[in-house]
C-alpha cells in the first residue's frame, strides 16, 4: 500500500503530510521571486490554494486532484507548437521552437 502523499498546489510535486506545510511557504516564496524576474507579459497571478468541499474518505484524492489542476493551470502554451511550459522555461523553449 502506497503512503498518503499530498500534492503542492504551486509546483504539483508530492510531499508527505508533515513536510507539505514546510514546503508550501518556501515554494510560494520561490514562485514570487521567479515570477518577478519574468518579462511583464509573462507574469501571472499568484496561485491560490484550491478549496474542495467534499467529505468522506475521498477527501485526500479530491484535494490532490484540485491541487494538481491548480499547478497545471500555471503552464503557458507556446505560440508556435502549443506545448505548455512553466513561464521561465517557455522563454528558453521559444528560442529554439520552429
PDB file of N, CA and C in Angstrom:
ATOM      1  N   UNK A   1       0.841  -1.179   0.000  1.00  0.00           N
ATOM      2  CA  UNK A   1       0.000   0.000   0.000  1.00  0.00           C
ATOM      3  C   UNK A   1       0.886   1.242   0.000  1.00  0.00           C
ATOM      4  N   UNK A   2       0.573   2.174  -0.844  1.00  0.00           N
ATOM      5  CA  UNK A   2       1.342   3.401  -1.002  1.00  0.00           C
ATOM      6  C   UNK A   2       0.990   4.397   0.098  1.00  0.00           C
ATOM      7  N   UNK A   3       1.999   5.053   0.706  1.00  0.00           N
ATOM      8  CA  UNK A   3       1.689   6.056   1.736  1.00  0.00           C
ATOM      9  C   UNK A   3       0.928   7.241   1.145  1.00  0.00           C
ATOM     10  N   UNK A   4       0.202   7.931   2.000  1.00  0.00           N
ATOM     11  CA  UNK A   4      -0.599   9.072   1.551  1.00  0.00           C
ATOM     12  C   UNK A   4       0.292  10.295   1.366  1.00  0.00           C
ATOM     13  N   UNK A   5       0.363  10.770   0.157  1.00  0.00           N
ATOM     14  CA  UNK A   5       1.103  11.973  -0.158  1.00  0.00           C
ATOM     15  C   UNK A   5       0.128  13.078  -0.505  1.00  0.00           C
ATOM     16  N   UNK A   6       0.563  14.312  -0.304  1.00  0.00           N
ATOM     17  CA  UNK A   6      -0.249  15.472  -0.675  1.00  0.00           C
ATOM     18  C   UNK A   6       0.464  16.212  -1.790  1.00  0.00           C
ATOM     19  N   UNK A   7      -0.289  16.750  -2.729  1.00  0.00           N
ATOM     20  CA  UNK A   7       0.252  17.456  -3.890  1.00  0.00           C
ATOM     21  C   UNK A   7       0.307  18.945  -3.594  1.00  0.00           C
ATOM     22  N   UNK A   8       1.443  19.564  -3.910  1.00  0.00           N
ATOM     23  CA  UNK A   8       1.602  21.007  -3.745  1.00  0.00           C
ATOM     24  C   UNK A   8       0.801  21.713  -4.840  1.00  0.00           C
ATOM     25  N   UNK A   9      -0.025  22.676  -4.469  1.00  0.00           N
ATOM     26  CA  UNK A   9      -0.851  23.392  -5.438  1.00  0.00           C
ATOM     27  C   UNK A   9      -0.038  24.380  -6.271  1.00  0.00           C
ATOM     28  N   UNK A  10       1.226  24.611  -5.911  1.00  0.00           N
ATOM     29  CA  UNK A  10       2.064  25.560  -6.638  1.00  0.00           C
ATOM     30  C   UNK A  10       2.908  24.853  -7.690  1.00  0.00           C
ATOM     31  N   UNK A  11       3.618  23.797  -7.279  1.00  0.00           N
ATOM     32  CA  UNK A  11       4.540  23.125  -8.205  1.00  0.00           C
ATOM     33  C   UNK A  11       4.037  21.777  -8.703  1.00  0.00           C
ATOM     34  N   UNK A  12       3.050  21.179  -8.030  1.00  0.00           N
ATOM     35  CA  UNK A  12       2.494  19.912  -8.470  1.00  0.00           C
ATOM     36  C   UNK A  12       3.260  18.686  -7.992  1.00  0.00           C
ATOM     37  N   UNK A  13       4.263  18.856  -7.152  1.00  0.00           N
ATOM     38  CA  UNK A  13       5.028  17.718  -6.640  1.00  0.00           C
ATOM     39  C   UNK A  13       4.365  17.144  -5.390  1.00  0.00           C
ATOM     40  N   UNK A  14       4.659  15.876  -5.101  1.00  0.00           N
ATOM     41  CA  UNK A  14       4.078  15.196  -3.944  1.00  0.00           C
ATOM     42  C   UNK A  14       4.983  15.309  -2.719  1.00  0.00           C
ATOM     43  N   UNK A  15       4.351  15.481  -1.553  1.00  0.00           N
ATOM     44  CA  UNK A  15       5.062  15.591  -0.284  1.00  0.00           C
ATOM     45  C   UNK A  15       4.292  14.841   0.784  1.00  0.00           C
ATOM     46  N   UNK A  16       4.998  14.439   1.838  1.00  0.00           N
ATOM     47  CA  UNK A  16       4.356  13.797   2.971  1.00  0.00           C
ATOM     48  C   UNK A  16       3.462  14.772   3.715  1.00  0.00           C
ATOM     49  N   UNK A  17       2.597  14.229   4.558  1.00  0.00           N
ATOM     50  CA  UNK A  17       1.624  15.081   5.248  1.00  0.00           C
ATOM     51  C   UNK A  17       2.284  16.091   6.189  1.00  0.00           C
ATOM     52  N   UNK A  18       3.447  15.774   6.725  1.00  0.00           N
ATOM     53  CA  UNK A  18       4.132  16.705   7.614  1.00  0.00           C
ATOM     54  C   UNK A  18       4.973  17.723   6.840  1.00  0.00           C
ATOM     55  N   UNK A  19       5.606  17.297   5.753  1.00  0.00           N
ATOM     56  CA  UNK A  19       6.512  18.196   5.042  1.00  0.00           C
ATOM     57  C   UNK A  19       5.802  19.156   4.089  1.00  0.00           C
ATOM     58  N   UNK A  20       4.545  18.901   3.743  1.00  0.00           N
ATOM     59  CA  UNK A  20       3.831  19.817   2.840  1.00  0.00           C
ATOM     60  C   UNK A  20       3.659  21.187   3.494  1.00  0.00           C
ATOM     61  N   UNK A  21       3.469  21.216   4.808  1.00  0.00           N
ATOM     62  CA  UNK A  21       3.292  22.505   5.493  1.00  0.00           C
ATOM     63  C   UNK A  21       4.604  23.294   5.541  1.00  0.00           C
ATOM     64  N   UNK A  22       5.724  22.619   5.459  1.00  0.00           N
ATOM     65  CA  UNK A  22       7.020  23.285   5.390  1.00  0.00           C
ATOM     66  C   UNK A  22       7.310  23.723   3.965  1.00  0.00           C
ATOM     67  N   UNK A  23       6.940  22.874   2.999  1.00  0.00           N
ATOM     68  CA  UNK A  23       7.259  23.126   1.601  1.00  0.00           C
ATOM     69  C   UNK A  23       6.474  24.289   1.005  1.00  0.00           C
ATOM     70  N   UNK A  24       5.173  24.355   1.236  1.00  0.00           N
ATOM     71  CA  UNK A  24       4.327  25.340   0.542  1.00  0.00           C
ATOM     72  C   UNK A  24       4.765  26.790   0.736  1.00  0.00           C
ATOM     73  N   UNK A  25       5.084  27.269   1.958  1.00  0.00           N
ATOM     74  CA  UNK A  25       5.556  28.663   2.065  1.00  0.00           C
ATOM     75  C   UNK A  25       6.855  28.908   1.301  1.00  0.00           C
ATOM     76  N   UNK A  26       7.764  27.932   1.338  1.00  0.00           N
ATOM     77  CA  UNK A  26       9.025  28.075   0.608  1.00  0.00           C
ATOM     78  C   UNK A  26       8.783  28.054  -0.896  1.00  0.00           C
ATOM     79  N   UNK A  27       7.885  27.209  -1.349  1.00  0.00           N
ATOM     80  CA  UNK A  27       7.575  27.113  -2.774  1.00  0.00           C
ATOM     81  C   UNK A  27       6.916  28.407  -3.266  1.00  0.00           C
ATOM     82  N   UNK A  28       6.027  28.971  -2.459  1.00  0.00           N
ATOM     83  CA  UNK A  28       5.368  30.223  -2.834  1.00  0.00           C
ATOM     84  C   UNK A  28       6.375  31.369  -2.892  1.00  0.00           C
ATOM     85  N   UNK A  29       7.327  31.389  -1.975  1.00  0.00           N
ATOM     86  CA  UNK A  29       8.375  32.420  -1.991  1.00  0.00           C
ATOM     87  C   UNK A  29       9.229  32.282  -3.259  1.00  0.00           C
ATOM     88  N   UNK A  30       9.574  31.057  -3.601  1.00  0.00           N
ATOM     89  CA  UNK A  30      10.342  30.803  -4.823  1.00  0.00           C
ATOM     90  C   UNK A  30       9.538  31.225  -6.048  1.00  0.00           C
ATOM     91  N   UNK A  31       8.231  30.925  -6.043  1.00  0.00           N
ATOM     92  CA  UNK A  31       7.369  31.297  -7.161  1.00  0.00           C
ATOM     93  C   UNK A  31       7.372  32.813  -7.338  1.00  0.00           C
ATOM     94  N   UNK A  32       7.272  33.564  -6.226  1.00  0.00           N
ATOM     95  CA  UNK A  32       7.268  35.028  -6.309  1.00  0.00           C
ATOM     96  C   UNK A  32       8.578  35.552  -6.895  1.00  0.00           C
ATOM     97  N   UNK A  33       9.705  35.026  -6.453  1.00  0.00           N
ATOM     98  CA  UNK A  33      10.984  35.523  -6.966  1.00  0.00           C
ATOM     99  C   UNK A  33      11.146  35.199  -8.451  1.00  0.00           C
ATOM    100  N   UNK A  34      10.712  34.012  -8.884  1.00  0.00           N
ATOM    101  CA  UNK A  34      10.807  33.660 -10.308  1.00  0.00           C
ATOM    102  C   UNK A  34       9.822  34.467 -11.144  1.00  0.00           C
ATOM    103  N   UNK A  35       8.625  34.693 -10.620  1.00  0.00           N
ATOM    104  CA  UNK A  35       7.619  35.453 -11.360  1.00  0.00           C
ATOM    105  C   UNK A  35       8.052  36.908 -11.540  1.00  0.00           C
ATOM    106  N   UNK A  36       8.709  37.485 -10.546  1.00  0.00           N
ATOM    107  CA  UNK A  36       9.159  38.872 -10.638  1.00  0.00           C
ATOM    108  C   UNK A  36      10.302  39.052 -11.630  1.00  0.00           C
ATOM    109  N   UNK A  37      11.024  37.981 -11.938  1.00  0.00           N
ATOM    110  CA  UNK A  37      12.122  38.059 -12.904  1.00  0.00           C
ATOM    111  C   UNK A  37      11.652  37.904 -14.346  1.00  0.00           C
ATOM    112  N   UNK A  38      10.400  37.483 -14.540  1.00  0.00           N
ATOM    113  CA  UNK A  38       9.877  37.290 -15.894  1.00  0.00           C
ATOM    114  C   UNK A  38       9.535  38.625 -16.542  1.00  0.00           C
ATOM    115  N   UNK A  39       9.519  38.668 -17.891  1.00  0.00           N
ATOM    116  CA  UNK A  39       9.026  39.881 -18.558  1.00  0.00           C
ATOM    117  C   UNK A  39       7.564  40.135 -18.161  1.00  0.00           C
ATOM    118  N   UNK A  40       7.149  41.369 -18.215  1.00  0.00           N
ATOM    119  CA  UNK A  40       5.820  41.767 -17.748  1.00  0.00           C
ATOM    120  C   UNK A  40       4.701  40.958 -18.404  1.00  0.00           C
ATOM    121  N   UNK A  41       4.821  40.658 -19.706  1.00  0.00           N
ATOM    122  CA  UNK A  41       3.732  39.971 -20.405  1.00  0.00           C
ATOM    123  C   UNK A  41       3.624  38.490 -20.036  1.00  0.00           C
ATOM    124  N   UNK A  42       4.623  37.913 -19.374  1.00  0.00           N
ATOM    125  CA  UNK A  42       4.568  36.508 -18.977  1.00  0.00           C
ATOM    126  C   UNK A  42       4.246  36.310 -17.498  1.00  0.00           C
ATOM    127  N   UNK A  43       4.154  37.384 -16.729  1.00  0.00           N
ATOM    128  CA  UNK A  43       3.844  37.265 -15.310  1.00  0.00           C
ATOM    129  C   UNK A  43       2.389  36.840 -15.120  1.00  0.00           C
ATOM    130  N   UNK A  44       2.178  36.003 -14.114  1.00  0.00           N
ATOM    131  CA  UNK A  44       0.831  35.504 -13.840  1.00  0.00           C
ATOM    132  C   UNK A  44       0.428  35.854 -12.415  1.00  0.00           C
ATOM    133  N   UNK A  45      -0.856  35.686 -12.126  1.00  0.00           N
ATOM    134  CA  UNK A  45      -1.365  35.953 -10.782  1.00  0.00           C
ATOM    135  C   UNK A  45      -0.899  34.856  -9.834  1.00  0.00           C
ATOM    136  N   UNK A  46      -0.812  35.210  -8.573  1.00  0.00           N
ATOM    137  CA  UNK A  46      -0.363  34.257  -7.556  1.00  0.00           C
ATOM    138  C   UNK A  46      -1.315  33.065  -7.497  1.00  0.00           C
ATOM    139  N   UNK A  47      -0.774  31.851  -7.471  1.00  0.00           N
ATOM    140  CA  UNK A  47      -1.644  30.681  -7.376  1.00  0.00           C
ATOM    141  C   UNK A  47      -2.382  30.656  -6.041  1.00  0.00           C
ATOM    142  N   UNK A  48      -3.627  30.250  -6.072  1.00  0.00           N
ATOM    143  CA  UNK A  48      -4.450  30.180  -4.863  1.00  0.00           C
ATOM    144  C   UNK A  48      -4.661  28.720  -4.481  1.00  0.00           C
ATOM    145  N   UNK A  49      -4.683  28.478  -3.199  1.00  0.00           N
ATOM    146  CA  UNK A  49      -4.945  27.128  -2.703  1.00  0.00           C
ATOM    147  C   UNK A  49      -6.383  26.750  -3.066  1.00  0.00           C
ATOM    148  N   UNK A  50      -6.576  25.623  -3.745  1.00  0.00           N
ATOM    149  CA  UNK A  50      -7.943  25.220  -4.111  1.00  0.00           C
ATOM    150  C   UNK A  50      -8.715  24.741  -2.874  1.00  0.00           C
ATOM    151  N   UNK A  51      -9.992  25.043  -2.832  1.00  0.00           N
ATOM    152  CA  UNK A  51     -10.861  24.613  -1.743  1.00  0.00           C
ATOM    153  C   UNK A  51     -11.763  23.502  -2.268  1.00  0.00           C
ATOM    154  N   UNK A  52     -11.711  22.362  -1.614  1.00  0.00           N
ATOM    155  CA  UNK A  52     -12.523  21.214  -2.006  1.00  0.00           C
ATOM    156  C   UNK A  52     -13.600  21.029  -0.955  1.00  0.00           C
ATOM    157  N   UNK A  53     -14.850  20.952  -1.385  1.00  0.00           N
ATOM    158  CA  UNK A  53     -15.973  20.862  -0.459  1.00  0.00           C
ATOM    159  C   UNK A  53     -16.574  19.461  -0.451  1.00  0.00           C
ATOM    160  N   UNK A  54     -15.730  18.446  -0.416  1.00  0.00           N
ATOM    161  CA  UNK A  54     -16.234  17.079  -0.352  1.00  0.00           C
ATOM    162  C   UNK A  54     -15.950  16.509   1.024  1.00  0.00           C
ATOM    163  N   UNK A  55     -16.676  15.482   1.393  1.00  0.00           N
ATOM    164  CA  UNK A  55     -16.461  14.834   2.680  1.00  0.00           C
ATOM    165  C   UNK A  55     -16.207  13.358   2.485  1.00  0.00           C
ATOM    166  N   UNK A  56     -15.861  12.684   3.562  1.00  0.00           N
ATOM    167  CA  UNK A  56     -15.651  11.245   3.493  1.00  0.00           C
ATOM    168  C   UNK A  56     -14.210  10.876   3.222  1.00  0.00           C
ATOM    169  N   UNK A  57     -14.021   9.634   2.778  1.00  0.00           N
ATOM    170  CA  UNK A  57     -12.674   9.105   2.589  1.00  0.00           C
ATOM    171  C   UNK A  57     -12.011   9.590   1.304  1.00  0.00           C
ATOM    172  N   UNK A  58     -12.748  10.186   0.409  1.00  0.00           N
ATOM    173  CA  UNK A  58     -12.188  10.647  -0.866  1.00  0.00           C
ATOM    174  C   UNK A  58     -11.632  12.056  -0.772  1.00  0.00           C
ATOM    175  N   UNK A  59     -11.575  12.620   0.422  1.00  0.00           N
ATOM    176  CA  UNK A  59     -11.128  13.994   0.581  1.00  0.00           C
ATOM    177  C   UNK A  59      -9.704  14.186   0.098  1.00  0.00           C
ATOM    178  N   UNK A  60      -8.777  13.302   0.477  1.00  0.00           N
ATOM    179  CA  UNK A  60      -7.384  13.443   0.076  1.00  0.00           C
ATOM    180  C   UNK A  60      -7.245  13.340  -1.443  1.00  0.00           C
ATOM    181  N   UNK A  61      -7.948  12.409  -2.047  1.00  0.00           N
ATOM    182  CA  UNK A  61      -7.904  12.258  -3.502  1.00  0.00           C
ATOM    183  C   UNK A  61      -8.447  13.504  -4.192  1.00  0.00           C
ATOM    184  N   UNK A  62      -9.545  14.042  -3.694  1.00  0.00           N
ATOM    185  CA  UNK A  62     -10.125  15.249  -4.282  1.00  0.00           C
ATOM    186  C   UNK A  62      -9.210  16.452  -4.092  1.00  0.00           C
ATOM    187  N   UNK A  63      -8.601  16.570  -2.915  1.00  0.00           N
ATOM    188  CA  UNK A  63      -7.675  17.672  -2.661  1.00  0.00           C
ATOM    189  C   UNK A  63      -6.458  17.575  -3.569  1.00  0.00           C
ATOM    190  N   UNK A  64      -5.906  16.375  -3.719  1.00  0.00           N
ATOM    191  CA  UNK A  64      -4.746  16.181  -4.582  1.00  0.00           C
ATOM    192  C   UNK A  64      -5.086  16.475  -6.036  1.00  0.00           C
ATOM    193  N   UNK A  65      -6.257  16.077  -6.469  1.00  0.00           N
ATOM    194  CA  UNK A  65      -6.673  16.350  -7.847  1.00  0.00           C
ATOM    195  C   UNK A  65      -6.815  17.858  -8.081  1.00  0.00           C
ATOM    196  N   UNK A  66      -7.429  18.553  -7.146  1.00  0.00           N
ATOM    197  CA  UNK A  66      -7.603  20.002  -7.271  1.00  0.00           C
ATOM    198  C   UNK A  66      -6.248  20.717  -7.231  1.00  0.00           C
ATOM    199  N   UNK A  67      -5.342  20.254  -6.371  1.00  0.00           N
ATOM    200  CA  UNK A  67      -4.013  20.863  -6.284  1.00  0.00           C
ATOM    201  C   UNK A  67      -3.228  20.629  -7.570  1.00  0.00           C
ATOM    202  N   UNK A  68      -3.333  19.432  -8.138  1.00  0.00           N
ATOM    203  CA  UNK A  68      -2.642  19.122  -9.393  1.00  0.00           C
ATOM    204  C   UNK A  68      -3.163  20.015 -10.523  1.00  0.00           C
ATOM    205  N   UNK A  69      -4.475  20.165 -10.618  1.00  0.00           N
ATOM    206  CA  UNK A  69      -5.044  21.015 -11.672  1.00  0.00           C
ATOM    207  C   UNK A  69      -4.679  22.482 -11.464  1.00  0.00           C
ATOM    208  N   UNK A  70      -4.540  22.909 -10.215  1.00  0.00           N
ATOM    209  CA  UNK A  70      -4.097  24.272  -9.928  1.00  0.00           C
ATOM    210  C   UNK A  70      -2.671  24.488 -10.419  1.00  0.00           C
ATOM    211  N   UNK A  71      -1.805  23.507 -10.197  1.00  0.00           N
ATOM    212  CA  UNK A  71      -0.410  23.608 -10.656  1.00  0.00           C
ATOM    213  C   UNK A  71      -0.346  23.589 -12.182  1.00  0.00           C
ATOM    214  N   UNK A  72      -1.167  22.767 -12.829  1.00  0.00           N
ATOM    215  CA  UNK A  72      -1.162  22.680 -14.287  1.00  0.00           C
ATOM    216  C   UNK A  72      -1.726  23.940 -14.940  1.00  0.00           C
ATOM    217  N   UNK A  73      -2.591  24.664 -14.234  1.00  0.00           N
ATOM    218  CA  UNK A  73      -3.180  25.888 -14.778  1.00  0.00           C
ATOM    219  C   UNK A  73      -2.145  27.000 -14.933  1.00  0.00           C
ATOM    220  N   UNK A  74      -1.006  26.876 -14.262  1.00  0.00           N
ATOM    221  CA  UNK A  74       0.039  27.891 -14.347  1.00  0.00           C
ATOM    222  C   UNK A  74       0.881  27.756 -15.606  1.00  0.00           C
ATOM    223  N   UNK A  75       0.756  26.644 -16.316  1.00  0.00           N
ATOM    224  CA  UNK A  75       1.557  26.424 -17.516  1.00  0.00           C
ATOM    225  C   UNK A  75       1.057  27.302 -18.656  1.00  0.00           C
ATOM    226  N   UNK A  76       1.990  27.814 -19.446  1.00  0.00           N
ATOM    227  CA  UNK A  76       1.656  28.680 -20.578  1.00  0.00           C
ATOM    228  C   UNK A  76       1.940  27.959 -21.884  1.00  0.00           C
ATOM    229  N   UNK A  77       1.058  28.074 -22.893  1.00  0.00           N
ATOM    230  CA  UNK A  77       1.294  27.400 -24.173  1.00  0.00           C
ATOM    231  C   UNK A  77       2.280  28.171 -25.055  1.00  0.00           C
ATOM    232  N   UNK A  78       3.060  27.431 -25.817  1.00  0.00           N
ATOM    233  CA  UNK A  78       3.960  28.030 -26.802  1.00  0.00           C
ATOM    234  C   UNK A  78       3.115  28.527 -27.969  1.00  0.00           C
ATOM    235  N   UNK A  79       3.421  29.697 -28.480  1.00  0.00           N
ATOM    236  CA  UNK A  79       2.680  30.253 -29.598  1.00  0.00           C
ATOM    237  C   UNK A  79       2.906  29.507 -30.905  1.00  0.00           C
ATOM    238  N   UNK A  80       4.029  28.781 -31.017  1.00  0.00           N
ATOM    239  CA  UNK A  80       4.344  28.061 -32.250  1.00  0.00           C
ATOM    240  C   UNK A  80       3.810  26.633 -32.262  1.00  0.00           C
ATOM    241  N   UNK A  81       4.126  25.871 -31.208  1.00  0.00           N
ATOM    242  CA  UNK A  81       3.785  24.449 -31.222  1.00  0.00           C
ATOM    243  C   UNK A  81       2.627  24.083 -30.307  1.00  0.00           C
ATOM    244  N   UNK A  82       2.265  24.943 -29.360  1.00  0.00           N
ATOM    245  CA  UNK A  82       1.141  24.680 -28.482  1.00  0.00           C
ATOM    246  C   UNK A  82       1.483  23.901 -27.217  1.00  0.00           C
ATOM    247  N   UNK A  83       2.712  23.427 -27.078  1.00  0.00           N
ATOM    248  CA  UNK A  83       3.095  22.724 -25.859  1.00  0.00           C
ATOM    249  C   UNK A  83       3.076  23.690 -24.690  1.00  0.00           C
ATOM    250  N   UNK A  84       2.846  23.177 -23.492  1.00  0.00           N
ATOM    251  CA  UNK A  84       2.776  24.045 -22.315  1.00  0.00           C
ATOM    252  C   UNK A  84       4.042  23.925 -21.476  1.00  0.00           C
ATOM    253  N   UNK A  85       4.434  25.056 -20.900  1.00  0.00           N
ATOM    254  CA  UNK A  85       5.660  25.143 -20.113  1.00  0.00           C
ATOM    255  C   UNK A  85       5.437  26.076 -18.937  1.00  0.00           C
ATOM    256  N   UNK A  86       6.289  25.933 -17.927  1.00  0.00           N
ATOM    257  CA  UNK A  86       6.337  26.941 -16.881  1.00  0.00           C
ATOM    258  C   UNK A  86       6.844  28.234 -17.516  1.00  0.00           C
ATOM    259  N   UNK A  87       6.428  29.389 -17.023  1.00  0.00           N
ATOM    260  CA  UNK A  87       6.789  30.648 -17.669  1.00  0.00           C
ATOM    261  C   UNK A  87       8.287  30.844 -17.901  1.00  0.00           C
ATOM    262  N   UNK A  88       9.123  30.470 -16.937  1.00  0.00           N
ATOM    263  CA  UNK A  88      10.555  30.665 -17.126  1.00  0.00           C
ATOM    264  C   UNK A  88      11.123  29.706 -18.172  1.00  0.00           C
ATOM    265  N   UNK A  89      10.553  28.536 -18.336  1.00  0.00           N
ATOM    266  CA  UNK A  89      11.017  27.567 -19.328  1.00  0.00           C
ATOM    267  C   UNK A  89      10.462  27.876 -20.721  1.00  0.00           C
ATOM    268  N   UNK A  90       9.346  28.589 -20.793  1.00  0.00           N
ATOM    269  CA  UNK A  90       8.770  28.959 -22.085  1.00  0.00           C
ATOM    270  C   UNK A  90       9.717  29.865 -22.859  1.00  0.00           C
ATOM    271  N   UNK A  91      10.379  30.770 -22.179  1.00  0.00           N
ATOM    272  CA  UNK A  91      11.327  31.680 -22.835  1.00  0.00           C
ATOM    273  C   UNK A  91      12.443  30.891 -23.483  1.00  0.00           C
ATOM    274  N   UNK A  92      12.971  29.892 -22.774  1.00  0.00           N
ATOM    275  CA  UNK A  92      14.048  29.057 -23.319  1.00  0.00           C
ATOM    276  C   UNK A  92      13.537  28.253 -24.507  1.00  0.00           C
ATOM    277  N   UNK A  93      12.342  27.701 -24.394  1.00  0.00           N
ATOM    278  CA  UNK A  93      11.773  26.882 -25.472  1.00  0.00           C
ATOM    279  C   UNK A  93      11.546  27.704 -26.744  1.00  0.00           C
ATOM    280  N   UNK A  94      11.051  28.907 -26.585  1.00  0.00           N
ATOM    281  CA  UNK A  94      10.711  29.722 -27.757  1.00  0.00           C
ATOM    282  C   UNK A  94      11.931  30.106 -28.575  1.00  0.00           C
ATOM    283  N   UNK A  95      13.109  30.076 -27.967  1.00  0.00           N
ATOM    284  CA  UNK A  95      14.326  30.399 -28.713  1.00  0.00           C
ATOM    285  C   UNK A  95      14.643  29.342 -29.770  1.00  0.00           C
ATOM    286  N   UNK A  96      14.229  28.091 -29.532  1.00  0.00           N
ATOM    287  CA  UNK A  96      14.573  27.019 -30.467  1.00  0.00           C
ATOM    288  C   UNK A  96      13.357  26.407 -31.144  1.00  0.00           C
ATOM    289  N   UNK A  97      12.138  26.851 -30.816  1.00  0.00           N
ATOM    290  CA  UNK A  97      10.936  26.274 -31.427  1.00  0.00           C
ATOM    291  C   UNK A  97      10.718  26.852 -32.823  1.00  0.00           C
ATOM    292  N   UNK A  98      10.391  25.982 -33.736  1.00  0.00           N
ATOM    293  CA  UNK A  98      10.152  26.434 -35.126  1.00  0.00           C
ATOM    294  C   UNK A  98       8.711  26.233 -35.514  1.00  0.00           C
TER     295      UNK A  98
END
